């Protein structure tokens, strides 16, 4: 793919070896270190806008819609964690950026963990935002409630049931009107890929799998960030991942829920820039 000049945004549909075509958006400093952002379950590239604006002045930022999301392919589901990992691996191979700073949010963090277990050489550093290394009984119950809400109330009903799990108290208080608009957008979505995304994540939990072993095989720098008010993946999940890795650091994002980089992009960007700076310093010592 063509190089992106400074301050430009290049959007492409990229056919991957994994068999799907994904919408890819690249921006930021042409000579900057590459950072790849991996979506949470119902995200699209636009939901990273706030964080991208913070990182783009000095870093090369890559965003993409996973299968079933945004403008990417929506084949027959379910879209499993393995599917998302296959697509991420194929994307990194196709872009040939060298080892990247990999940043995954929520379900995207799980795919990132699976990737470092397979191909640690692709990852220069790993940042897990509101992440988890397994889908336990509580999270399975949440996903089943989203599936039930989708069946009973469509995509709008699914959004309503998910809202208190996803957004923090402060963000809900300050952005209620914006979230109502987002709810209207969600209500117009095709329910089939939404169900396929939920079913794929739920299957991972029902199979009793976890990605913690990947952390034990990944030798690189690790950061976990979690919103102070994240009720879906509270700090215990991050602590579990850090224990599995035997290293890394935990950061708490004040006033944020489960969508910390959307709710508090400046604070998350500051944590990421400090982490990347530490990575560079460690590499030169």
C-alpha atoms as a PDB file:
ATOM      1  CA  UNK A   1       0.000   0.000   0.000  1.00  0.00           C
ATOM      2  CA  UNK A   2       1.120   3.553  -0.703  1.00  0.00           C
ATOM      3  CA  UNK A   3       2.849   5.569   2.006  1.00  0.00           C
ATOM      4  CA  UNK A   4       0.673   8.173   3.730  1.00  0.00           C
ATOM      5  CA  UNK A   5       2.180  11.686   3.879  1.00  0.00           C
ATOM      6  CA  UNK A   6       2.054  13.672   7.097  1.00  0.00           C
ATOM      7  CA  UNK A   7      -1.385  15.050   8.036  1.00  0.00           C
ATOM      8  CA  UNK A   8      -3.120  12.922   5.380  1.00  0.00           C
ATOM      9  CA  UNK A   9      -5.734  10.216   5.911  1.00  0.00           C
ATOM     10  CA  UNK A  10      -5.784   7.271   3.503  1.00  0.00           C
ATOM     11  CA  UNK A  11      -8.740   4.896   3.470  1.00  0.00           C
ATOM     12  CA  UNK A  12      -8.514   1.587   1.602  1.00  0.00           C
ATOM     13  CA  UNK A  13     -10.425  -1.668   1.289  1.00  0.00           C
ATOM     14  CA  UNK A  14      -7.763  -4.336   1.692  1.00  0.00           C
ATOM     15  CA  UNK A  15      -8.343  -7.956   0.603  1.00  0.00           C
ATOM     16  CA  UNK A  16      -6.533 -10.240   3.035  1.00  0.00           C
ATOM     17  CA  UNK A  17      -5.134 -13.741   2.884  1.00  0.00           C
ATOM     18  CA  UNK A  18      -7.645 -14.677   5.610  1.00  0.00           C
ATOM     19  CA  UNK A  19     -10.381 -14.372   2.976  1.00  0.00           C
ATOM     20  CA  UNK A  20     -12.090 -11.112   3.904  1.00  0.00           C
ATOM     21  CA  UNK A  21     -11.788  -7.520   2.751  1.00  0.00           C
ATOM     22  CA  UNK A  22     -11.378  -4.997   5.552  1.00  0.00           C
ATOM     23  CA  UNK A  23     -11.738  -1.224   5.631  1.00  0.00           C
ATOM     24  CA  UNK A  24      -8.344   0.199   6.688  1.00  0.00           C
ATOM     25  CA  UNK A  25      -7.648   3.834   7.633  1.00  0.00           C
ATOM     26  CA  UNK A  26      -4.062   5.090   7.937  1.00  0.00           C
ATOM     27  CA  UNK A  27      -3.018   8.498   9.176  1.00  0.00           C
ATOM     28  CA  UNK A  28      -0.496  10.415  11.230  1.00  0.00           C
ATOM     29  CA  UNK A  29       3.225  11.071  10.933  1.00  0.00           C
ATOM     30  CA  UNK A  30       4.710   9.269   7.930  1.00  0.00           C
ATOM     31  CA  UNK A  31       7.980   8.654   9.751  1.00  0.00           C
ATOM     32  CA  UNK A  32       6.373   7.820  13.073  1.00  0.00           C
ATOM     33  CA  UNK A  33       6.377   4.485  14.813  1.00  0.00           C
ATOM     34  CA  UNK A  34       3.410   2.379  13.647  1.00  0.00           C
ATOM     35  CA  UNK A  35       0.503   1.916  16.062  1.00  0.00           C
ATOM     36  CA  UNK A  36      -2.310  -0.490  15.156  1.00  0.00           C
ATOM     37  CA  UNK A  37      -5.678  -0.055  16.921  1.00  0.00           C
ATOM     38  CA  UNK A  38      -7.888  -3.150  17.249  1.00  0.00           C
ATOM     39  CA  UNK A  39     -11.624  -2.526  17.642  1.00  0.00           C
ATOM     40  CA  UNK A  40     -13.851  -3.617  20.463  1.00  0.00           C
ATOM     41  CA  UNK A  41     -16.822  -5.777  19.546  1.00  0.00           C
ATOM     42  CA  UNK A  42     -19.217  -3.124  18.161  1.00  0.00           C
ATOM     43  CA  UNK A  43     -16.714  -0.438  17.178  1.00  0.00           C
ATOM     44  CA  UNK A  44     -15.740   1.000  13.812  1.00  0.00           C
ATOM     45  CA  UNK A  45     -12.805   3.113  12.703  1.00  0.00           C
ATOM     46  CA  UNK A  46     -14.609   6.387  13.472  1.00  0.00           C
ATOM     47  CA  UNK A  47     -14.928   5.579  17.164  1.00  0.00           C
ATOM     48  CA  UNK A  48     -11.137   5.916  17.476  1.00  0.00           C
ATOM     49  CA  UNK A  49     -11.223   9.512  16.147  1.00  0.00           C
ATOM     50  CA  UNK A  50     -10.491  11.168  19.493  1.00  0.00           C
ATOM     51  CA  UNK A  51      -7.513   8.939  20.257  1.00  0.00           C
ATOM     52  CA  UNK A  52      -6.207   9.158  16.690  1.00  0.00           C
ATOM     53  CA  UNK A  53      -6.158  12.962  16.873  1.00  0.00           C
ATOM     54  CA  UNK A  54      -4.064  12.734  20.023  1.00  0.00           C
ATOM     55  CA  UNK A  55      -1.562  10.216  18.602  1.00  0.00           C
ATOM     56  CA  UNK A  56      -1.318  11.310  14.951  1.00  0.00           C
ATOM     57  CA  UNK A  57       1.095  14.263  15.397  1.00  0.00           C
ATOM     58  CA  UNK A  58       4.003  11.918  16.214  1.00  0.00           C
ATOM     59  CA  UNK A  59       2.883   8.384  15.376  1.00  0.00           C
ATOM     60  CA  UNK A  60       1.701   6.450  12.322  1.00  0.00           C
ATOM     61  CA  UNK A  61      -1.801   5.243  13.198  1.00  0.00           C
ATOM     62  CA  UNK A  62      -3.611   2.305  11.568  1.00  0.00           C
ATOM     63  CA  UNK A  63      -7.283   1.620  12.264  1.00  0.00           C
ATOM     64  CA  UNK A  64      -9.490  -0.997  10.664  1.00  0.00           C
ATOM     65  CA  UNK A  65     -12.982  -2.426  10.847  1.00  0.00           C
ATOM     66  CA  UNK A  66     -12.946  -6.091  11.782  1.00  0.00           C
ATOM     67  CA  UNK A  67     -15.134  -8.557   9.954  1.00  0.00           C
ATOM     68  CA  UNK A  68     -18.768  -7.787  10.662  1.00  0.00           C
ATOM     69  CA  UNK A  69     -17.973  -4.193  11.625  1.00  0.00           C
ATOM     70  CA  UNK A  70     -18.337  -0.850   9.865  1.00  0.00           C
ATOM     71  CA  UNK A  71     -17.429  -0.993   6.185  1.00  0.00           C
ATOM     72  CA  UNK A  72     -15.675  -4.376   6.233  1.00  0.00           C
ATOM     73  CA  UNK A  73     -17.008  -7.670   4.879  1.00  0.00           C
ATOM     74  CA  UNK A  74     -19.875  -9.274   6.745  1.00  0.00           C
ATOM     75  CA  UNK A  75     -19.832 -12.944   5.725  1.00  0.00           C
ATOM     76  CA  UNK A  76     -21.980 -15.576   7.386  1.00  0.00           C
ATOM     77  CA  UNK A  77     -21.128 -15.810  11.088  1.00  0.00           C
ATOM     78  CA  UNK A  78     -20.418 -16.343  13.833  1.00  0.00           C
ATOM     79  CA  UNK A  79     -17.286 -14.171  13.882  1.00  0.00           C
ATOM     80  CA  UNK A  80     -15.067 -15.987  16.332  1.00  0.00           C
ATOM     81  CA  UNK A  81     -12.033 -14.721  18.227  1.00  0.00           C
ATOM     82  CA  UNK A  82      -9.966 -16.961  15.947  1.00  0.00           C
ATOM     83  CA  UNK A  83     -11.471 -15.197  12.907  1.00  0.00           C
ATOM     84  CA  UNK A  84     -10.542 -11.792  14.319  1.00  0.00           C
ATOM     85  CA  UNK A  85      -7.042 -13.042  15.122  1.00  0.00           C
ATOM     86  CA  UNK A  86      -6.616 -14.496  11.621  1.00  0.00           C
ATOM     87  CA  UNK A  87      -7.649 -11.146  10.133  1.00  0.00           C
ATOM     88  CA  UNK A  88      -5.299  -9.169  12.379  1.00  0.00           C
ATOM     89  CA  UNK A  89      -2.395 -11.455  11.509  1.00  0.00           C
ATOM     90  CA  UNK A  90      -3.152 -11.202   7.791  1.00  0.00           C
ATOM     91  CA  UNK A  91      -3.463  -7.403   8.040  1.00  0.00           C
ATOM     92  CA  UNK A  92      -0.072  -7.013   9.731  1.00  0.00           C
ATOM     93  CA  UNK A  93       1.525  -9.298   7.151  1.00  0.00           C
ATOM     94  CA  UNK A  94      -0.056  -7.321   4.300  1.00  0.00           C
ATOM     95  CA  UNK A  95       0.941  -3.915   5.651  1.00  0.00           C
ATOM     96  CA  UNK A  96       4.518  -5.079   6.355  1.00  0.00           C
ATOM     97  CA  UNK A  97       5.113  -2.328   8.900  1.00  0.00           C
ATOM     98  CA  UNK A  98       7.572  -4.333  10.947  1.00  0.00           C
ATOM     99  CA  UNK A  99       6.927  -4.883  14.639  1.00  0.00           C
ATOM    100  CA  UNK A 100       4.113  -2.535  15.704  1.00  0.00           C
ATOM    101  CA  UNK A 101       2.748  -1.036  18.870  1.00  0.00           C
ATOM    102  CA  UNK A 102      -0.454  -3.075  19.130  1.00  0.00           C
ATOM    103  CA  UNK A 103      -3.376  -1.513  21.019  1.00  0.00           C
ATOM    104  CA  UNK A 104      -6.514  -3.597  21.561  1.00  0.00           C
ATOM    105  CA  UNK A 105      -9.745  -2.553  23.258  1.00  0.00           C
ATOM    106  CA  UNK A 106     -12.007  -5.099  24.989  1.00  0.00           C
ATOM    107  CA  UNK A 107     -12.679  -7.949  22.525  1.00  0.00           C
ATOM    108  CA  UNK A 108      -9.898  -6.462  20.396  1.00  0.00           C
ATOM    109  CA  UNK A 109      -7.533  -6.950  23.319  1.00  0.00           C
ATOM    110  CA  UNK A 110      -8.453 -10.643  23.344  1.00  0.00           C
ATOM    111  CA  UNK A 111      -7.600 -10.947  19.635  1.00  0.00           C
ATOM    112  CA  UNK A 112      -4.330  -9.101  20.275  1.00  0.00           C
ATOM    113  CA  UNK A 113      -3.483 -11.574  23.046  1.00  0.00           C
ATOM    114  CA  UNK A 114      -4.173 -14.505  20.748  1.00  0.00           C
ATOM    115  CA  UNK A 115      -1.937 -12.919  18.106  1.00  0.00           C
ATOM    116  CA  UNK A 116       1.067 -12.491  20.404  1.00  0.00           C
ATOM    117  CA  UNK A 117       0.745 -16.152  21.311  1.00  0.00           C
ATOM    118  CA  UNK A 118       1.036 -17.050  17.612  1.00  0.00           C
ATOM    119  CA  UNK A 119       3.343 -14.397  16.184  1.00  0.00           C
ATOM    120  CA  UNK A 120       5.135 -12.418  18.901  1.00  0.00           C
ATOM    121  CA  UNK A 121       7.650 -11.150  16.338  1.00  0.00           C
ATOM    122  CA  UNK A 122       4.927  -8.928  14.819  1.00  0.00           C
ATOM    123  CA  UNK A 123       4.471  -6.955  18.040  1.00  0.00           C
ATOM    124  CA  UNK A 124       6.897  -4.371  19.416  1.00  0.00           C
ATOM    125  CA  UNK A 125       4.713  -3.527  22.409  1.00  0.00           C
ATOM    126  CA  UNK A 126       1.277  -4.557  23.607  1.00  0.00           C
ATOM    127  CA  UNK A 127      -1.296  -2.257  25.206  1.00  0.00           C
ATOM    128  CA  UNK A 128      -4.559  -3.808  26.407  1.00  0.00           C
ATOM    129  CA  UNK A 129      -7.354  -1.306  27.047  1.00  0.00           C
ATOM    130  CA  UNK A 130     -10.279  -2.443  29.218  1.00  0.00           C
ATOM    131  CA  UNK A 131      -9.136  -5.921  28.290  1.00  0.00           C
ATOM    132  CA  UNK A 132      -9.497  -9.485  29.497  1.00  0.00           C
ATOM    133  CA  UNK A 133      -7.698 -12.747  28.850  1.00  0.00           C
ATOM    134  CA  UNK A 134     -10.773 -14.962  29.079  1.00  0.00           C
ATOM    135  CA  UNK A 135     -14.555 -14.765  28.976  1.00  0.00           C
ATOM    136  CA  UNK A 136     -15.649 -15.954  32.391  1.00  0.00           C
ATOM    137  CA  UNK A 137     -19.089 -16.775  33.818  1.00  0.00           C
ATOM    138  CA  UNK A 138     -20.017 -13.142  34.423  1.00  0.00           C
ATOM    139  CA  UNK A 139     -19.021 -12.028  30.951  1.00  0.00           C
ATOM    140  CA  UNK A 140     -20.814 -15.014  29.407  1.00  0.00           C
ATOM    141  CA  UNK A 141     -23.959 -13.930  31.251  1.00  0.00           C
ATOM    142  CA  UNK A 142     -23.575 -10.397  29.881  1.00  0.00           C
ATOM    143  CA  UNK A 143     -23.155 -11.661  26.325  1.00  0.00           C
ATOM    144  CA  UNK A 144     -26.200 -13.918  26.680  1.00  0.00           C
ATOM    145  CA  UNK A 145     -28.227 -10.924  27.876  1.00  0.00           C
ATOM    146  CA  UNK A 146     -27.127  -8.989  24.782  1.00  0.00           C
ATOM    147  CA  UNK A 147     -28.145 -11.902  22.572  1.00  0.00           C
ATOM    148  CA  UNK A 148     -31.544 -12.085  24.283  1.00  0.00           C
ATOM    149  CA  UNK A 149     -32.023  -8.320  23.976  1.00  0.00           C
ATOM    150  CA  UNK A 150     -31.225  -8.521  20.263  1.00  0.00           C
ATOM    151  CA  UNK A 151     -33.831 -11.252  19.804  1.00  0.00           C
ATOM    152  CA  UNK A 152     -36.493  -9.352  21.760  1.00  0.00           C
ATOM    153  CA  UNK A 153     -35.754  -5.720  20.915  1.00  0.00           C
ATOM    154  CA  UNK A 154     -33.551  -5.734  17.845  1.00  0.00           C
ATOM    155  CA  UNK A 155     -30.317  -3.800  17.589  1.00  0.00           C
ATOM    156  CA  UNK A 156     -31.757  -0.877  19.536  1.00  0.00           C
ATOM    157  CA  UNK A 157     -32.729  -3.175  22.389  1.00  0.00           C
ATOM    158  CA  UNK A 158     -29.256  -4.677  22.399  1.00  0.00           C
ATOM    159  CA  UNK A 159     -27.774  -1.168  22.670  1.00  0.00           C
ATOM    160  CA  UNK A 160     -30.066  -0.310  25.581  1.00  0.00           C
ATOM    161  CA  UNK A 161     -29.091  -3.403  27.561  1.00  0.00           C
ATOM    162  CA  UNK A 162     -25.378  -2.906  26.838  1.00  0.00           C
ATOM    163  CA  UNK A 163     -25.278   0.803  27.702  1.00  0.00           C
ATOM    164  CA  UNK A 164     -24.762   0.572  31.498  1.00  0.00           C
ATOM    165  CA  UNK A 165     -22.083  -2.084  30.994  1.00  0.00           C
ATOM    166  CA  UNK A 166     -20.109  -0.047  28.474  1.00  0.00           C
ATOM    167  CA  UNK A 167     -20.202   3.622  29.442  1.00  0.00           C
ATOM    168  CA  UNK A 168     -18.931   5.168  32.647  1.00  0.00           C
ATOM    169  CA  UNK A 169     -20.994   7.298  35.026  1.00  0.00           C
ATOM    170  CA  UNK A 170     -19.221  10.533  34.072  1.00  0.00           C
ATOM    171  CA  UNK A 171     -19.555   9.981  30.335  1.00  0.00           C
ATOM    172  CA  UNK A 172     -23.225   9.018  30.580  1.00  0.00           C
ATOM    173  CA  UNK A 173     -23.907  12.138  32.631  1.00  0.00           C
ATOM    174  CA  UNK A 174     -22.076  14.493  30.269  1.00  0.00           C
ATOM    175  CA  UNK A 175     -22.997  12.927  26.906  1.00  0.00           C
ATOM    176  CA  UNK A 176     -26.518  11.565  27.271  1.00  0.00           C
ATOM    177  CA  UNK A 177     -27.766  13.340  24.124  1.00  0.00           C
ATOM    178  CA  UNK A 178     -24.822  12.041  22.072  1.00  0.00           C
ATOM    179  CA  UNK A 179     -25.491   8.506  23.270  1.00  0.00           C
ATOM    180  CA  UNK A 180     -29.150   8.824  22.271  1.00  0.00           C
ATOM    181  CA  UNK A 181     -27.955   9.651  18.757  1.00  0.00           C
ATOM    182  CA  UNK A 182     -25.625   6.672  18.848  1.00  0.00           C
ATOM    183  CA  UNK A 183     -28.567   4.541  19.953  1.00  0.00           C
ATOM    184  CA  UNK A 184     -30.550   5.684  16.886  1.00  0.00           C
ATOM    185  CA  UNK A 185     -27.638   4.708  14.667  1.00  0.00           C
ATOM    186  CA  UNK A 186     -27.347   1.312  16.357  1.00  0.00           C
ATOM    187  CA  UNK A 187     -31.084   0.707  15.943  1.00  0.00           C
ATOM    188  CA  UNK A 188     -30.695   1.014  12.155  1.00  0.00           C
ATOM    189  CA  UNK A 189     -27.933  -1.594  11.985  1.00  0.00           C
ATOM    190  CA  UNK A 190     -28.378  -4.992  10.349  1.00  0.00           C
ATOM    191  CA  UNK A 191     -28.955  -7.426  13.244  1.00  0.00           C
ATOM    192  CA  UNK A 192     -27.236 -10.359  11.512  1.00  0.00           C
ATOM    193  CA  UNK A 193     -23.593  -9.225  11.883  1.00  0.00           C
ATOM    194  CA  UNK A 194     -24.375  -7.944  15.403  1.00  0.00           C
ATOM    195  CA  UNK A 195     -25.575 -11.422  16.363  1.00  0.00           C
ATOM    196  CA  UNK A 196     -22.564 -12.991  14.643  1.00  0.00           C
ATOM    197  CA  UNK A 197     -20.211 -10.804  16.701  1.00  0.00           C
ATOM    198  CA  UNK A 198     -21.943 -11.710  19.973  1.00  0.00           C
ATOM    199  CA  UNK A 199     -22.097 -15.416  19.119  1.00  0.00           C
ATOM    200  CA  UNK A 200     -18.409 -15.474  18.202  1.00  0.00           C
ATOM    201  CA  UNK A 201     -17.319 -13.952  21.496  1.00  0.00           C
ATOM    202  CA  UNK A 202     -19.706 -16.156  23.463  1.00  0.00           C
ATOM    203  CA  UNK A 203     -18.381 -19.299  21.789  1.00  0.00           C
ATOM    204  CA  UNK A 204     -14.875 -18.505  23.058  1.00  0.00           C
ATOM    205  CA  UNK A 205     -16.198 -18.371  26.621  1.00  0.00           C
ATOM    206  CA  UNK A 206     -18.389 -21.447  26.312  1.00  0.00           C
ATOM    207  CA  UNK A 207     -15.409 -23.434  25.043  1.00  0.00           C
ATOM    208  CA  UNK A 208     -13.555 -22.470  28.216  1.00  0.00           C
ATOM    209  CA  UNK A 209     -10.630 -20.987  26.329  1.00  0.00           C
ATOM    210  CA  UNK A 210      -8.268 -18.251  27.430  1.00  0.00           C
ATOM    211  CA  UNK A 211      -5.426 -16.265  25.881  1.00  0.00           C
ATOM    212  CA  UNK A 212      -3.294 -16.002  29.009  1.00  0.00           C
ATOM    213  CA  UNK A 213      -0.835 -18.558  27.644  1.00  0.00           C
ATOM    214  CA  UNK A 214      -0.027 -16.144  24.829  1.00  0.00           C
ATOM    215  CA  UNK A 215       1.195 -13.637  27.385  1.00  0.00           C
ATOM    216  CA  UNK A 216       3.585 -16.201  28.795  1.00  0.00           C
ATOM    217  CA  UNK A 217       5.091 -16.640  25.313  1.00  0.00           C
ATOM    218  CA  UNK A 218       5.231 -12.910  24.520  1.00  0.00           C
ATOM    219  CA  UNK A 219       8.536 -11.393  25.700  1.00  0.00           C
ATOM    220  CA  UNK A 220       7.834  -7.736  24.961  1.00  0.00           C
ATOM    221  CA  UNK A 221       6.614  -4.681  26.888  1.00  0.00           C
ATOM    222  CA  UNK A 222       3.077  -4.799  28.282  1.00  0.00           C
ATOM    223  CA  UNK A 223       0.648  -2.100  29.438  1.00  0.00           C
ATOM    224  CA  UNK A 224      -2.871  -2.665  30.740  1.00  0.00           C
ATOM    225  CA  UNK A 225      -5.220   0.304  31.037  1.00  0.00           C
ATOM    226  CA  UNK A 226      -8.689   0.127  32.553  1.00  0.00           C
ATOM    227  CA  UNK A 227     -11.367   2.692  33.244  1.00  0.00           C
ATOM    228  CA  UNK A 228     -11.924   3.541  36.882  1.00  0.00           C
ATOM    229  CA  UNK A 229     -15.670   2.847  36.446  1.00  0.00           C
ATOM    230  CA  UNK A 230     -15.377  -0.131  34.084  1.00  0.00           C
ATOM    231  CA  UNK A 231     -17.973  -2.623  35.321  1.00  0.00           C
ATOM    232  CA  UNK A 232     -17.648  -5.020  32.374  1.00  0.00           C
ATOM    233  CA  UNK A 233     -13.898  -5.667  32.669  1.00  0.00           C
ATOM    234  CA  UNK A 234     -12.790  -4.191  36.018  1.00  0.00           C
ATOM    235  CA  UNK A 235      -9.143  -4.177  37.160  1.00  0.00           C
ATOM    236  CA  UNK A 236      -9.194  -7.826  38.299  1.00  0.00           C
ATOM    237  CA  UNK A 237      -8.988  -8.892  34.645  1.00  0.00           C
ATOM    238  CA  UNK A 238      -5.960  -6.672  34.043  1.00  0.00           C
ATOM    239  CA  UNK A 239      -4.299  -7.982  37.204  1.00  0.00           C
ATOM    240  CA  UNK A 240      -4.886 -11.533  35.998  1.00  0.00           C
ATOM    241  CA  UNK A 241      -3.186 -10.726  32.695  1.00  0.00           C
ATOM    242  CA  UNK A 242      -0.238  -9.051  34.407  1.00  0.00           C
ATOM    243  CA  UNK A 243       0.158 -12.067  36.691  1.00  0.00           C
ATOM    244  CA  UNK A 244       0.205 -14.396  33.684  1.00  0.00           C
ATOM    245  CA  UNK A 245       2.840 -12.252  31.970  1.00  0.00           C
ATOM    246  CA  UNK A 246       4.913 -11.788  35.120  1.00  0.00           C
ATOM    247  CA  UNK A 247       5.623  -8.188  34.145  1.00  0.00           C
ATOM    248  CA  UNK A 248       4.006  -5.024  32.815  1.00  0.00           C
ATOM    249  CA  UNK A 249       2.142  -2.214  34.468  1.00  0.00           C
ATOM    250  CA  UNK A 250      -1.445  -1.298  35.229  1.00  0.00           C
ATOM    251  CA  UNK A 251      -2.883   2.137  34.595  1.00  0.00           C
ATOM    252  CA  UNK A 252      -6.275   3.382  35.787  1.00  0.00           C
ATOM    253  CA  UNK A 253      -8.100   5.962  33.654  1.00  0.00           C
ATOM    254  CA  UNK A 254     -10.015   8.306  36.014  1.00  0.00           C
ATOM    255  CA  UNK A 255     -13.710   8.770  35.332  1.00  0.00           C
ATOM    256  CA  UNK A 256     -13.850   6.266  32.450  1.00  0.00           C
ATOM    257  CA  UNK A 257     -15.981   3.172  31.926  1.00  0.00           C
ATOM    258  CA  UNK A 258     -15.370   0.259  29.576  1.00  0.00           C
ATOM    259  CA  UNK A 259     -14.751   2.517  26.558  1.00  0.00           C
ATOM    260  CA  UNK A 260     -11.835   4.457  28.062  1.00  0.00           C
ATOM    261  CA  UNK A 261     -10.199   5.615  24.783  1.00  0.00           C
ATOM    262  CA  UNK A 262     -13.545   6.948  23.558  1.00  0.00           C
ATOM    263  CA  UNK A 263     -14.545   8.543  26.852  1.00  0.00           C
ATOM    264  CA  UNK A 264     -11.140   9.956  27.872  1.00  0.00           C
ATOM    265  CA  UNK A 265      -8.930  10.005  24.730  1.00  0.00           C
ATOM    266  CA  UNK A 266      -6.436  12.597  26.003  1.00  0.00           C
ATOM    267  CA  UNK A 267      -5.754  10.647  29.195  1.00  0.00           C
ATOM    268  CA  UNK A 268      -5.407   7.336  27.337  1.00  0.00           C
ATOM    269  CA  UNK A 269      -3.111   8.938  24.749  1.00  0.00           C
ATOM    270  CA  UNK A 270      -0.881  10.334  27.487  1.00  0.00           C
ATOM    271  CA  UNK A 271      -0.537   6.867  29.002  1.00  0.00           C
ATOM    272  CA  UNK A 272       0.242   5.351  25.609  1.00  0.00           C
ATOM    273  CA  UNK A 273       2.840   7.996  24.695  1.00  0.00           C
ATOM    274  CA  UNK A 274       4.609   7.470  28.026  1.00  0.00           C
ATOM    275  CA  UNK A 275       4.549   3.702  27.470  1.00  0.00           C
ATOM    276  CA  UNK A 276       5.961   3.995  23.946  1.00  0.00           C
ATOM    277  CA  UNK A 277       8.680   6.329  25.234  1.00  0.00           C
ATOM    278  CA  UNK A 278       9.637   3.752  27.858  1.00  0.00           C
ATOM    279  CA  UNK A 279       9.764   1.077  25.138  1.00  0.00           C
ATOM    280  CA  UNK A 280      12.199   3.170  23.104  1.00  0.00           C
ATOM    281  CA  UNK A 281      14.386   3.801  26.165  1.00  0.00           C
ATOM    282  CA  UNK A 282      14.469   0.128  27.059  1.00  0.00           C
ATOM    283  CA  UNK A 283      15.475  -0.772  23.516  1.00  0.00           C
ATOM    284  CA  UNK A 284      18.463   1.568  23.612  1.00  0.00           C
ATOM    285  CA  UNK A 285      19.824   0.439  26.985  1.00  0.00           C
END
